[in-house]
Amino acid sequence: MKTRNATSATVSVFGSFVGLAGLEHGIGEVLQGNVAPAGTVFPSWPGSAFFRSVAGEPAMTLVPNLLASGILSILVSLVFLVWAVAFPHRKHSGLVLVLLSIVLLVVGGGFGPPLLGIVMGVTATRVRPRAGGSHLPAGLRHALGALWPWFLAAAIAAWLLLMPGTMLLDHFFGLKNPDTLVPVFFLTALATLLLAIFTGFARDSEPEPLGKQVRS
């Protein structure tokens, strides 16, 4: 049975991003201490000059205590990271990642990490081989599949530019209009990620060479 390496790798790489970003939110909440949040939506890093460009990293929580919320965010983020890296090929991995993303959202893991986590969960449903393969013509499928490493690299660079790149640029150079620049970075990161996912599907739908089929 063929392993969908490109899709699995994409889920693992960006699942790691989800886990690390959720951890960052959780740490900010833990550092605020044993206090109640100002509301359902609150900044994970209030008053932090480093996170000024992203409005203190907003998050939401249904937990009435920031210390508990932060601890839960850290734990859920770690579980998500481990699952995305180690088990993207499992039968129900996609569902697990989506459910973990929803939990991460409501315990204080921010808004971006759960959104990216849901995208990775949906993507993980395509890791396991499916009967029928792709409906794309063989030549187009091969051409798109060959582009996957480039789009994956572009997506990684774009997400790193979004975070922590935005904060680093603001810290060292000062961003005059972060409210305008951050959405541009986000849309670029999302577009390159979707292209990486799509070309990964194309790459994984290609038939295995005959020699590999015989050996398997």
C-alpha atoms as a PDB file:
ATOM      1  CA  MET A   1       0.000   0.000   0.000  1.00  0.00           C
ATOM      2  CA  LYS A   2       1.366   3.347  -1.009  1.00  0.00           C
ATOM      3  CA  THR A   3       2.136   5.907   1.675  1.00  0.00           C
ATOM      4  CA  ARG A   4       1.132   9.442   0.795  1.00  0.00           C
ATOM      5  CA  ASN A   5       4.451  11.028   1.673  1.00  0.00           C
ATOM      6  CA  ALA A   6       3.813  14.590   0.435  1.00  0.00           C
ATOM      7  CA  THR A   7       0.473  15.003   2.193  1.00  0.00           C
ATOM      8  CA  SER A   8       1.774  13.375   5.364  1.00  0.00           C
ATOM      9  CA  ALA A   9       4.841  15.630   5.369  1.00  0.00           C
ATOM     10  CA  THR A  10       2.703  18.739   4.864  1.00  0.00           C
ATOM     11  CA  VAL A  11       0.480  17.791   7.804  1.00  0.00           C
ATOM     12  CA  SER A  12       3.490  17.102  10.017  1.00  0.00           C
ATOM     13  CA  VAL A  13       5.293  20.353   9.178  1.00  0.00           C
ATOM     14  CA  PHE A  14       2.315  22.652   9.620  1.00  0.00           C
ATOM     15  CA  GLY A  15       0.949  20.610  12.501  1.00  0.00           C
ATOM     16  CA  SER A  16       4.214  21.504  14.230  1.00  0.00           C
ATOM     17  CA  PHE A  17       3.494  25.163  13.528  1.00  0.00           C
ATOM     18  CA  VAL A  18       0.069  24.761  15.165  1.00  0.00           C
ATOM     19  CA  GLY A  19       1.538  23.120  18.240  1.00  0.00           C
ATOM     20  CA  LEU A  20       4.303  25.696  18.693  1.00  0.00           C
ATOM     21  CA  ALA A  21       1.963  28.664  18.158  1.00  0.00           C
ATOM     22  CA  GLY A  22      -0.521  27.226  20.646  1.00  0.00           C
ATOM     23  CA  LEU A  23       2.298  26.766  23.150  1.00  0.00           C
ATOM     24  CA  GLU A  24       3.232  30.418  22.753  1.00  0.00           C
ATOM     25  CA  HIS A  25      -0.331  31.482  23.570  1.00  0.00           C
ATOM     26  CA  GLY A  26      -0.393  29.181  26.577  1.00  0.00           C
ATOM     27  CA  ILE A  27       2.879  30.500  27.964  1.00  0.00           C
ATOM     28  CA  GLY A  28       1.587  34.072  27.740  1.00  0.00           C
ATOM     29  CA  GLU A  29      -1.538  33.112  29.660  1.00  0.00           C
ATOM     30  CA  VAL A  30       0.378  31.223  32.337  1.00  0.00           C
ATOM     31  CA  LEU A  31       2.609  34.254  32.868  1.00  0.00           C
ATOM     32  CA  GLN A  32      -0.471  36.375  33.589  1.00  0.00           C
ATOM     33  CA  GLY A  33      -1.035  34.236  36.651  1.00  0.00           C
ATOM     34  CA  ASN A  34      -3.953  32.967  38.663  1.00  0.00           C
ATOM     35  CA  VAL A  35      -6.454  35.620  37.555  1.00  0.00           C
ATOM     36  CA  ALA A  36      -9.692  35.731  35.602  1.00  0.00           C
ATOM     37  CA  PRO A  37      -9.560  36.856  31.962  1.00  0.00           C
ATOM     38  CA  ALA A  38     -10.991  40.285  31.160  1.00  0.00           C
ATOM     39  CA  GLY A  39     -13.571  38.607  28.951  1.00  0.00           C
ATOM     40  CA  THR A  40     -14.137  35.641  26.676  1.00  0.00           C
ATOM     41  CA  VAL A  41     -11.699  37.236  24.213  1.00  0.00           C
ATOM     42  CA  PHE A  42      -8.457  38.604  25.668  1.00  0.00           C
ATOM     43  CA  PRO A  43      -4.790  39.184  24.721  1.00  0.00           C
ATOM     44  CA  SER A  44      -2.405  36.346  25.496  1.00  0.00           C
ATOM     45  CA  TRP A  45       0.450  38.855  25.859  1.00  0.00           C
ATOM     46  CA  PRO A  46      -1.099  42.121  27.113  1.00  0.00           C
ATOM     47  CA  GLY A  47       1.241  45.090  27.229  1.00  0.00           C
ATOM     48  CA  SER A  48       4.040  43.210  25.436  1.00  0.00           C
ATOM     49  CA  ALA A  49       5.977  45.428  23.054  1.00  0.00           C
ATOM     50  CA  PHE A  50       7.164  42.366  21.122  1.00  0.00           C
ATOM     51  CA  PHE A  51       3.585  41.320  20.300  1.00  0.00           C
ATOM     52  CA  ARG A  52       2.363  44.861  19.573  1.00  0.00           C
ATOM     53  CA  SER A  53       2.065  44.228  15.833  1.00  0.00           C
ATOM     54  CA  VAL A  54      -0.391  41.369  16.448  1.00  0.00           C
ATOM     55  CA  ALA A  55      -2.448  43.162  19.127  1.00  0.00           C
ATOM     56  CA  GLY A  56      -1.038  41.117  21.989  1.00  0.00           C
ATOM     57  CA  GLU A  57      -1.985  37.791  20.384  1.00  0.00           C
ATOM     58  CA  PRO A  58      -5.778  37.607  20.959  1.00  0.00           C
ATOM     59  CA  ALA A  59      -7.322  34.373  22.177  1.00  0.00           C
ATOM     60  CA  MET A  60     -10.606  33.194  23.626  1.00  0.00           C
ATOM     61  CA  THR A  61     -11.345  30.839  26.489  1.00  0.00           C
ATOM     62  CA  LEU A  62     -14.272  29.275  28.271  1.00  0.00           C
ATOM     63  CA  VAL A  63     -12.015  28.618  31.268  1.00  0.00           C
ATOM     64  CA  PRO A  64     -12.510  31.313  33.962  1.00  0.00           C
ATOM     65  CA  ASN A  65      -8.847  31.339  35.014  1.00  0.00           C
ATOM     66  CA  LEU A  66      -5.856  32.368  32.893  1.00  0.00           C
ATOM     67  CA  LEU A  67      -3.379  30.085  34.636  1.00  0.00           C
ATOM     68  CA  ALA A  68      -5.610  27.060  34.039  1.00  0.00           C
ATOM     69  CA  SER A  69      -6.344  28.236  30.514  1.00  0.00           C
ATOM     70  CA  GLY A  70      -2.642  28.541  29.750  1.00  0.00           C
ATOM     71  CA  ILE A  71      -1.824  25.118  31.142  1.00  0.00           C
ATOM     72  CA  LEU A  72      -4.615  23.540  29.095  1.00  0.00           C
ATOM     73  CA  SER A  73      -3.448  25.367  25.965  1.00  0.00           C
ATOM     74  CA  ILE A  74       0.079  24.060  26.470  1.00  0.00           C
ATOM     75  CA  LEU A  75      -1.100  20.481  27.017  1.00  0.00           C
ATOM     76  CA  VAL A  76      -3.472  20.455  24.031  1.00  0.00           C
ATOM     77  CA  SER A  77      -0.790  22.044  21.844  1.00  0.00           C
ATOM     78  CA  LEU A  78       1.718  19.358  22.809  1.00  0.00           C
ATOM     79  CA  VAL A  79      -0.775  16.587  22.060  1.00  0.00           C
ATOM     80  CA  PHE A  80      -1.570  18.190  18.693  1.00  0.00           C
ATOM     81  CA  LEU A  81       2.111  18.524  17.818  1.00  0.00           C
ATOM     82  CA  VAL A  82       2.918  14.914  18.709  1.00  0.00           C
ATOM     83  CA  TRP A  83      -0.121  13.562  16.871  1.00  0.00           C
ATOM     84  CA  ALA A  84       0.520  15.619  13.720  1.00  0.00           C
ATOM     85  CA  VAL A  85       4.170  14.581  13.564  1.00  0.00           C
ATOM     86  CA  ALA A  86       3.883  10.931  14.596  1.00  0.00           C
ATOM     87  CA  PHE A  87       0.437   9.802  13.462  1.00  0.00           C
ATOM     88  CA  PRO A  88      -0.743  11.736  10.370  1.00  0.00           C
ATOM     89  CA  HIS A  89      -1.257   8.426   8.545  1.00  0.00           C
ATOM     90  CA  ARG A  90      -3.667   6.916  11.089  1.00  0.00           C
ATOM     91  CA  LYS A  91      -7.190   6.177   9.865  1.00  0.00           C
ATOM     92  CA  HIS A  92      -8.950   8.817  11.987  1.00  0.00           C
ATOM     93  CA  SER A  93      -6.006  11.209  12.310  1.00  0.00           C
ATOM     94  CA  GLY A  94      -7.806  14.007  10.505  1.00  0.00           C
ATOM     95  CA  LEU A  95     -10.785  13.849  12.856  1.00  0.00           C
ATOM     96  CA  VAL A  96      -8.491  13.824  15.883  1.00  0.00           C
ATOM     97  CA  LEU A  97      -6.663  16.925  14.656  1.00  0.00           C
ATOM     98  CA  VAL A  98      -9.918  18.783  13.979  1.00  0.00           C
ATOM     99  CA  LEU A  99     -11.258  17.944  17.456  1.00  0.00           C
ATOM    100  CA  LEU A 100      -7.989  18.980  19.093  1.00  0.00           C
ATOM    101  CA  SER A 101      -8.134  22.264  17.153  1.00  0.00           C
ATOM    102  CA  ILE A 102     -11.620  23.000  18.475  1.00  0.00           C
ATOM    103  CA  VAL A 103     -10.488  22.250  22.034  1.00  0.00           C
ATOM    104  CA  LEU A 104      -7.429  24.458  21.511  1.00  0.00           C
ATOM    105  CA  LEU A 105      -9.695  27.307  20.401  1.00  0.00           C
ATOM    106  CA  VAL A 106     -11.900  27.244  23.502  1.00  0.00           C
ATOM    107  CA  VAL A 107      -9.110  26.843  26.082  1.00  0.00           C
ATOM    108  CA  GLY A 108      -7.012  29.827  24.956  1.00  0.00           C
ATOM    109  CA  GLY A 109      -4.838  28.633  22.077  1.00  0.00           C
ATOM    110  CA  GLY A 110      -5.551  31.696  19.984  1.00  0.00           C
ATOM    111  CA  PHE A 111      -7.445  31.966  16.709  1.00  0.00           C
ATOM    112  CA  GLY A 112      -4.769  31.354  14.081  1.00  0.00           C
ATOM    113  CA  PRO A 113      -3.432  28.040  15.459  1.00  0.00           C
ATOM    114  CA  PRO A 114      -6.881  26.344  15.661  1.00  0.00           C
ATOM    115  CA  LEU A 115      -7.760  27.592  12.168  1.00  0.00           C
ATOM    116  CA  LEU A 116      -4.528  26.181  10.753  1.00  0.00           C
ATOM    117  CA  GLY A 117      -5.111  23.027  12.791  1.00  0.00           C
ATOM    118  CA  ILE A 118      -8.519  22.479  11.219  1.00  0.00           C
ATOM    119  CA  VAL A 119      -6.999  22.911   7.758  1.00  0.00           C
ATOM    120  CA  MET A 120      -4.367  20.305   8.654  1.00  0.00           C
ATOM    121  CA  GLY A 121      -7.045  17.979  10.028  1.00  0.00           C
ATOM    122  CA  VAL A 122      -9.009  18.152   6.791  1.00  0.00           C
ATOM    123  CA  THR A 123      -5.781  17.635   4.836  1.00  0.00           C
ATOM    124  CA  ALA A 124      -4.915  14.586   6.957  1.00  0.00           C
ATOM    125  CA  THR A 125      -8.076  12.836   5.749  1.00  0.00           C
ATOM    126  CA  ARG A 126      -6.273  12.506   2.405  1.00  0.00           C
ATOM    127  CA  VAL A 127      -3.075  10.979   3.780  1.00  0.00           C
ATOM    128  CA  ARG A 128      -4.322   7.417   3.477  1.00  0.00           C
ATOM    129  CA  PRO A 129      -4.572   6.014  -0.070  1.00  0.00           C
ATOM    130  CA  ARG A 130      -7.991   6.140  -1.710  1.00  0.00           C
ATOM    131  CA  ALA A 131      -9.303   4.005  -4.503  1.00  0.00           C
ATOM    132  CA  GLY A 132      -9.524   5.757  -7.855  1.00  0.00           C
ATOM    133  CA  GLY A 133      -6.655   8.206  -7.407  1.00  0.00           C
ATOM    134  CA  SER A 134      -6.703  11.618  -9.055  1.00  0.00           C
ATOM    135  CA  HIS A 135      -8.933  12.571 -11.978  1.00  0.00           C
ATOM    136  CA  LEU A 136      -6.242  14.883 -13.372  1.00  0.00           C
ATOM    137  CA  PRO A 137      -4.479  13.924 -16.608  1.00  0.00           C
ATOM    138  CA  ALA A 138      -1.244  12.064 -15.953  1.00  0.00           C
ATOM    139  CA  GLY A 139       0.973  14.788 -17.432  1.00  0.00           C
ATOM    140  CA  LEU A 140      -0.655  17.573 -15.429  1.00  0.00           C
ATOM    141  CA  ARG A 141      -0.586  15.433 -12.276  1.00  0.00           C
ATOM    142  CA  HIS A 142       3.131  14.839 -12.691  1.00  0.00           C
ATOM    143  CA  ALA A 143       3.838  18.534 -13.359  1.00  0.00           C
ATOM    144  CA  LEU A 144       1.880  19.645 -10.294  1.00  0.00           C
ATOM    145  CA  GLY A 145       3.482  16.968  -8.145  1.00  0.00           C
ATOM    146  CA  ALA A 146       6.930  18.165  -9.161  1.00  0.00           C
ATOM    147  CA  LEU A 147       6.041  21.634  -7.869  1.00  0.00           C
ATOM    148  CA  TRP A 148       5.126  20.392  -4.377  1.00  0.00           C
ATOM    149  CA  PRO A 149       8.593  20.804  -2.755  1.00  0.00           C
ATOM    150  CA  TRP A 150       8.782  24.385  -4.035  1.00  0.00           C
ATOM    151  CA  PHE A 151       5.336  25.332  -2.775  1.00  0.00           C
ATOM    152  CA  LEU A 152       6.035  23.603   0.532  1.00  0.00           C
ATOM    153  CA  ALA A 153       9.222  25.633   0.960  1.00  0.00           C
ATOM    154  CA  ALA A 154       7.377  28.822  -0.017  1.00  0.00           C
ATOM    155  CA  ALA A 155       4.596  28.077   2.466  1.00  0.00           C
ATOM    156  CA  ILE A 156       7.069  27.436   5.284  1.00  0.00           C
ATOM    157  CA  ALA A 157       8.859  30.717   4.512  1.00  0.00           C
ATOM    158  CA  ALA A 158       5.552  32.613   4.350  1.00  0.00           C
ATOM    159  CA  TRP A 159       4.309  31.256   7.684  1.00  0.00           C
ATOM    160  CA  LEU A 160       7.635  32.006   9.337  1.00  0.00           C
ATOM    161  CA  LEU A 161       7.434  35.533   7.919  1.00  0.00           C
ATOM    162  CA  LEU A 162       3.982  35.846   9.462  1.00  0.00           C
ATOM    163  CA  MET A 163       5.170  34.521  12.815  1.00  0.00           C
ATOM    164  CA  PRO A 164       7.637  35.251  14.270  1.00  0.00           C
ATOM    165  CA  GLY A 165       8.719  37.367  11.296  1.00  0.00           C
ATOM    166  CA  THR A 166       6.110  40.073  11.849  1.00  0.00           C
ATOM    167  CA  MET A 167       7.125  40.567  15.468  1.00  0.00           C
ATOM    168  CA  LEU A 168      10.852  40.520  14.649  1.00  0.00           C
ATOM    169  CA  LEU A 169      10.438  43.083  11.883  1.00  0.00           C
ATOM    170  CA  ASP A 170       8.470  45.319  14.219  1.00  0.00           C
ATOM    171  CA  HIS A 171      10.980  44.850  17.032  1.00  0.00           C
ATOM    172  CA  PHE A 172      14.074  45.693  14.988  1.00  0.00           C
ATOM    173  CA  PHE A 173      12.728  48.086  12.349  1.00  0.00           C
ATOM    174  CA  GLY A 174       9.314  49.213  13.568  1.00  0.00           C
ATOM    175  CA  LEU A 175       6.229  48.617  11.427  1.00  0.00           C
ATOM    176  CA  LYS A 176       4.289  51.782  10.722  1.00  0.00           C
ATOM    177  CA  ASN A 177       1.147  49.991   9.542  1.00  0.00           C
ATOM    178  CA  PRO A 178       1.049  46.474  11.054  1.00  0.00           C
ATOM    179  CA  ASP A 179      -2.745  46.354  10.677  1.00  0.00           C
ATOM    180  CA  THR A 180      -2.252  46.458   6.909  1.00  0.00           C
ATOM    181  CA  LEU A 181       0.873  44.332   6.643  1.00  0.00           C
ATOM    182  CA  VAL A 182      -0.220  41.401   8.845  1.00  0.00           C
ATOM    183  CA  PRO A 183      -3.303  40.544   6.711  1.00  0.00           C
ATOM    184  CA  VAL A 184      -1.111  40.588   3.590  1.00  0.00           C
ATOM    185  CA  PHE A 185       1.359  38.198   5.239  1.00  0.00           C
ATOM    186  CA  PHE A 186      -1.517  35.970   6.375  1.00  0.00           C
ATOM    187  CA  LEU A 187      -3.152  35.780   2.932  1.00  0.00           C
ATOM    188  CA  THR A 188       0.208  35.011   1.326  1.00  0.00           C
ATOM    189  CA  ALA A 189       0.875  32.260   3.870  1.00  0.00           C
ATOM    190  CA  LEU A 190      -2.590  30.775   3.377  1.00  0.00           C
ATOM    191  CA  ALA A 191      -2.347  30.859  -0.424  1.00  0.00           C
ATOM    192  CA  THR A 192       1.048  29.148  -0.532  1.00  0.00           C
ATOM    193  CA  LEU A 193      -0.144  26.553   1.978  1.00  0.00           C
ATOM    194  CA  LEU A 194      -3.202  25.698  -0.125  1.00  0.00           C
ATOM    195  CA  LEU A 195      -0.961  25.357  -3.175  1.00  0.00           C
ATOM    196  CA  ALA A 196       1.372  23.070  -1.218  1.00  0.00           C
ATOM    197  CA  ILE A 197      -1.594  20.931  -0.157  1.00  0.00           C
ATOM    198  CA  PHE A 198      -3.033  20.726  -3.677  1.00  0.00           C
ATOM    199  CA  THR A 199       0.285  19.871  -5.333  1.00  0.00           C
ATOM    200  CA  GLY A 200       0.944  17.362  -2.545  1.00  0.00           C
ATOM    201  CA  PHE A 201      -2.315  15.609  -3.403  1.00  0.00           C
ATOM    202  CA  ALA A 202      -1.220  15.504  -7.042  1.00  0.00           C
ATOM    203  CA  ARG A 203       2.192  14.108  -6.125  1.00  0.00           C
ATOM    204  CA  ASP A 204       0.701  11.372  -3.956  1.00  0.00           C
ATOM    205  CA  SER A 205      -1.848  10.358  -6.592  1.00  0.00           C
ATOM    206  CA  GLU A 206       0.873   9.354  -9.037  1.00  0.00           C
ATOM    207  CA  PRO A 207       1.279   5.571  -9.433  1.00  0.00           C
ATOM    208  CA  GLU A 208       4.324   3.966  -7.920  1.00  0.00           C
ATOM    209  CA  PRO A 209       7.089   2.770 -10.227  1.00  0.00           C
ATOM    210  CA  LEU A 210       6.669  -0.866 -11.182  1.00  0.00           C
ATOM    211  CA  GLY A 211       9.806  -1.891  -9.293  1.00  0.00           C
ATOM    212  CA  LYS A 212       8.460  -0.519  -6.029  1.00  0.00           C
ATOM    213  CA  GLN A 213       5.100  -2.182  -6.582  1.00  0.00           C
ATOM    214  CA  VAL A 214       6.821  -5.550  -7.103  1.00  0.00           C
ATOM    215  CA  ARG A 215       9.026  -5.139  -3.996  1.00  0.00           C
ATOM    216  CA  SER A 216       6.008  -4.143  -1.827  1.00  0.00           C
END
